[in-house]
Amino acid sequence: MFGLSVRFTLKDEEAATGFDSLVAETLPHIRQSEPGTLIYAVHTVEGKPLERIFYELYADRSAFDTHEEQPHVKRFLDARGAFLASVEVDFLHLAGAKGVQE
């Protein structure tokens, strides 16, 4: 499996609203058309209203690469910059889990 976590820090409350709308437009496409995307979880952060954390788990690196090539993901990647103050990405290798087969 192949995973990543992404921490987005948004510019301000207006940017947070726009970013959340962009995410809401993108998620249904991921659910419907990406069988190799096992988990795509978007989190708000308690006490930090301008932060969002994504946890993504893919069947393998190829499934991630396929995800990145989808039109809805490309649109998200192109549009998100208008809302962001910063972004941090950590690539993860699954060492143990509950809820997914290792």
C-alpha atoms as a PDB file:
ATOM      1  CA  MET A   1       0.000   0.000   0.000  1.00  0.00           C
ATOM      2  CA  PHE A   2       0.987   3.607  -0.486  1.00  0.00           C
ATOM      3  CA  GLY A   3      -0.241   6.563   1.537  1.00  0.00           C
ATOM      4  CA  LEU A   4       0.227  10.193   2.267  1.00  0.00           C
ATOM      5  CA  SER A   5      -0.889  12.862   4.654  1.00  0.00           C
ATOM      6  CA  VAL A   6      -1.265  16.441   3.551  1.00  0.00           C
ATOM      7  CA  ARG A   7      -1.644  19.468   5.812  1.00  0.00           C
ATOM      8  CA  PHE A   8      -3.192  22.471   4.106  1.00  0.00           C
ATOM      9  CA  THR A   9      -3.090  25.861   5.812  1.00  0.00           C
ATOM     10  CA  LEU A  10      -5.613  28.222   4.286  1.00  0.00           C
ATOM     11  CA  LYS A  11      -5.188  31.976   3.843  1.00  0.00           C
ATOM     12  CA  ASP A  12      -8.281  33.112   5.749  1.00  0.00           C
ATOM     13  CA  GLU A  13     -11.890  32.173   6.481  1.00  0.00           C
ATOM     14  CA  GLU A  14     -13.042  33.093   2.965  1.00  0.00           C
ATOM     15  CA  ALA A  15     -10.310  30.865   1.507  1.00  0.00           C
ATOM     16  CA  ALA A  16     -11.365  28.065   3.863  1.00  0.00           C
ATOM     17  CA  THR A  17     -14.922  28.270   2.539  1.00  0.00           C
ATOM     18  CA  GLY A  18     -13.712  28.168  -1.061  1.00  0.00           C
ATOM     19  CA  PHE A  19     -11.336  25.287  -0.366  1.00  0.00           C
ATOM     20  CA  ASP A  20     -14.067  23.291   1.377  1.00  0.00           C
ATOM     21  CA  SER A  21     -16.349  23.822  -1.624  1.00  0.00           C
ATOM     22  CA  LEU A  22     -13.619  22.610  -3.965  1.00  0.00           C
ATOM     23  CA  VAL A  23     -13.143  19.499  -1.827  1.00  0.00           C
ATOM     24  CA  ALA A  24     -16.906  18.880  -1.788  1.00  0.00           C
ATOM     25  CA  GLU A  25     -16.943  19.019  -5.607  1.00  0.00           C
ATOM     26  CA  THR A  26     -13.977  16.638  -5.913  1.00  0.00           C
ATOM     27  CA  LEU A  27     -14.795  13.907  -3.376  1.00  0.00           C
ATOM     28  CA  PRO A  28     -17.772  12.332  -5.190  1.00  0.00           C
ATOM     29  CA  HIS A  29     -15.606  11.760  -8.274  1.00  0.00           C
ATOM     30  CA  ILE A  30     -12.926  10.071  -6.178  1.00  0.00           C
ATOM     31  CA  ARG A  31     -15.536   7.831  -4.541  1.00  0.00           C
ATOM     32  CA  GLN A  32     -17.146   6.863  -7.855  1.00  0.00           C
ATOM     33  CA  SER A  33     -14.209   6.397 -10.183  1.00  0.00           C
ATOM     34  CA  GLU A  34     -11.091   5.404  -8.246  1.00  0.00           C
ATOM     35  CA  PRO A  35     -11.171   1.780  -7.066  1.00  0.00           C
ATOM     36  CA  GLY A  36      -7.471   1.912  -6.143  1.00  0.00           C
ATOM     37  CA  THR A  37      -8.086   4.797  -3.731  1.00  0.00           C
ATOM     38  CA  LEU A  38      -8.842   2.876  -0.548  1.00  0.00           C
ATOM     39  CA  ILE A  39      -9.141   5.798   1.876  1.00  0.00           C
ATOM     40  CA  TYR A  40      -9.445   9.490   1.076  1.00  0.00           C
ATOM     41  CA  ALA A  41     -10.298  11.202   4.338  1.00  0.00           C
ATOM     42  CA  VAL A  42     -10.506  14.964   4.787  1.00  0.00           C
ATOM     43  CA  HIS A  43     -10.253  16.309   8.323  1.00  0.00           C
ATOM     44  CA  THR A  44     -10.724  19.666   9.976  1.00  0.00           C
ATOM     45  CA  VAL A  45      -8.403  20.362  12.904  1.00  0.00           C
ATOM     46  CA  GLU A  46      -9.804  21.181  16.321  1.00  0.00           C
ATOM     47  CA  GLY A  47      -8.782  24.671  17.391  1.00  0.00           C
ATOM     48  CA  LYS A  48      -7.202  25.446  13.990  1.00  0.00           C
ATOM     49  CA  PRO A  49     -10.011  26.590  11.688  1.00  0.00           C
ATOM     50  CA  LEU A  50      -7.680  27.338   8.783  1.00  0.00           C
ATOM     51  CA  GLU A  51      -6.120  23.876   8.641  1.00  0.00           C
ATOM     52  CA  ARG A  52      -7.241  20.753   6.817  1.00  0.00           C
ATOM     53  CA  ILE A  53      -5.537  17.371   6.900  1.00  0.00           C
ATOM     54  CA  PHE A  54      -6.017  14.771   4.202  1.00  0.00           C
ATOM     55  CA  TYR A  55      -5.183  11.115   4.809  1.00  0.00           C
ATOM     56  CA  GLU A  56      -4.969   9.096   1.618  1.00  0.00           C
ATOM     57  CA  LEU A  57      -4.323   5.377   1.237  1.00  0.00           C
ATOM     58  CA  TYR A  58      -3.922   3.696  -2.136  1.00  0.00           C
ATOM     59  CA  ALA A  59      -3.650   0.059  -3.140  1.00  0.00           C
ATOM     60  CA  ASP A  60      -0.144   0.808  -4.450  1.00  0.00           C
ATOM     61  CA  ARG A  61       1.932   3.571  -6.030  1.00  0.00           C
ATOM     62  CA  SER A  62       0.323   2.893  -9.401  1.00  0.00           C
ATOM     63  CA  ALA A  63      -3.133   3.595  -7.928  1.00  0.00           C
ATOM     64  CA  PHE A  64      -1.820   6.910  -6.578  1.00  0.00           C
ATOM     65  CA  ASP A  65      -0.379   7.790  -9.979  1.00  0.00           C
ATOM     66  CA  THR A  66      -3.758   6.955 -11.572  1.00  0.00           C
ATOM     67  CA  HIS A  67      -5.475   9.194  -8.985  1.00  0.00           C
ATOM     68  CA  GLU A  68      -3.172  12.084  -9.857  1.00  0.00           C
ATOM     69  CA  GLU A  69      -4.056  11.782 -13.563  1.00  0.00           C
ATOM     70  CA  GLN A  70      -7.826  12.014 -13.108  1.00  0.00           C
ATOM     71  CA  PRO A  71      -9.468  15.183 -14.515  1.00  0.00           C
ATOM     72  CA  HIS A  72     -11.197  15.952 -11.198  1.00  0.00           C
ATOM     73  CA  VAL A  73      -7.885  15.686  -9.315  1.00  0.00           C
ATOM     74  CA  LYS A  74      -6.065  17.843 -11.853  1.00  0.00           C
ATOM     75  CA  ARG A  75      -8.797  20.462 -11.464  1.00  0.00           C
ATOM     76  CA  PHE A  76      -8.430  20.313  -7.668  1.00  0.00           C
ATOM     77  CA  LEU A  77      -4.641  20.618  -7.868  1.00  0.00           C
ATOM     78  CA  ASP A  78      -4.879  23.583 -10.250  1.00  0.00           C
ATOM     79  CA  ALA A  79      -7.538  25.440  -8.238  1.00  0.00           C
ATOM     80  CA  ARG A  80      -6.347  24.860  -4.663  1.00  0.00           C
ATOM     81  CA  GLY A  81      -3.473  27.339  -4.826  1.00  0.00           C
ATOM     82  CA  ALA A  82      -5.854  30.299  -4.694  1.00  0.00           C
ATOM     83  CA  PHE A  83      -6.852  29.270  -1.163  1.00  0.00           C
ATOM     84  CA  LEU A  84      -3.545  28.162   0.361  1.00  0.00           C
ATOM     85  CA  ALA A  85      -1.045  29.811   2.655  1.00  0.00           C
ATOM     86  CA  SER A  86       1.022  26.601   2.780  1.00  0.00           C
ATOM     87  CA  VAL A  87       0.955  22.863   2.138  1.00  0.00           C
ATOM     88  CA  GLU A  88       2.987  20.048   3.708  1.00  0.00           C
ATOM     89  CA  VAL A  89       3.036  16.536   2.231  1.00  0.00           C
ATOM     90  CA  ASP A  90       4.344  13.391   3.919  1.00  0.00           C
ATOM     91  CA  PHE A  91       4.519  10.163   1.914  1.00  0.00           C
ATOM     92  CA  LEU A  92       3.762   7.123   4.076  1.00  0.00           C
ATOM     93  CA  HIS A  93       4.473   3.396   3.995  1.00  0.00           C
ATOM     94  CA  LEU A  94       1.950   1.290   5.901  1.00  0.00           C
ATOM     95  CA  ALA A  95       3.558  -0.551   8.809  1.00  0.00           C
ATOM     96  CA  GLY A  96       0.392  -1.899  10.446  1.00  0.00           C
ATOM     97  CA  ALA A  97      -3.320  -1.222  10.430  1.00  0.00           C
ATOM     98  CA  LYS A  98      -6.848  -2.036  11.461  1.00  0.00           C
ATOM     99  CA  GLY A  99      -9.552  -1.647   8.863  1.00  0.00           C
ATOM    100  CA  VAL A 100      -7.463  -2.330   5.767  1.00  0.00           C
ATOM    101  CA  GLN A 101      -5.703  -5.457   4.660  1.00  0.00           C
ATOM    102  CA  GLU A 102      -1.949  -5.147   4.869  1.00  0.00           C
END
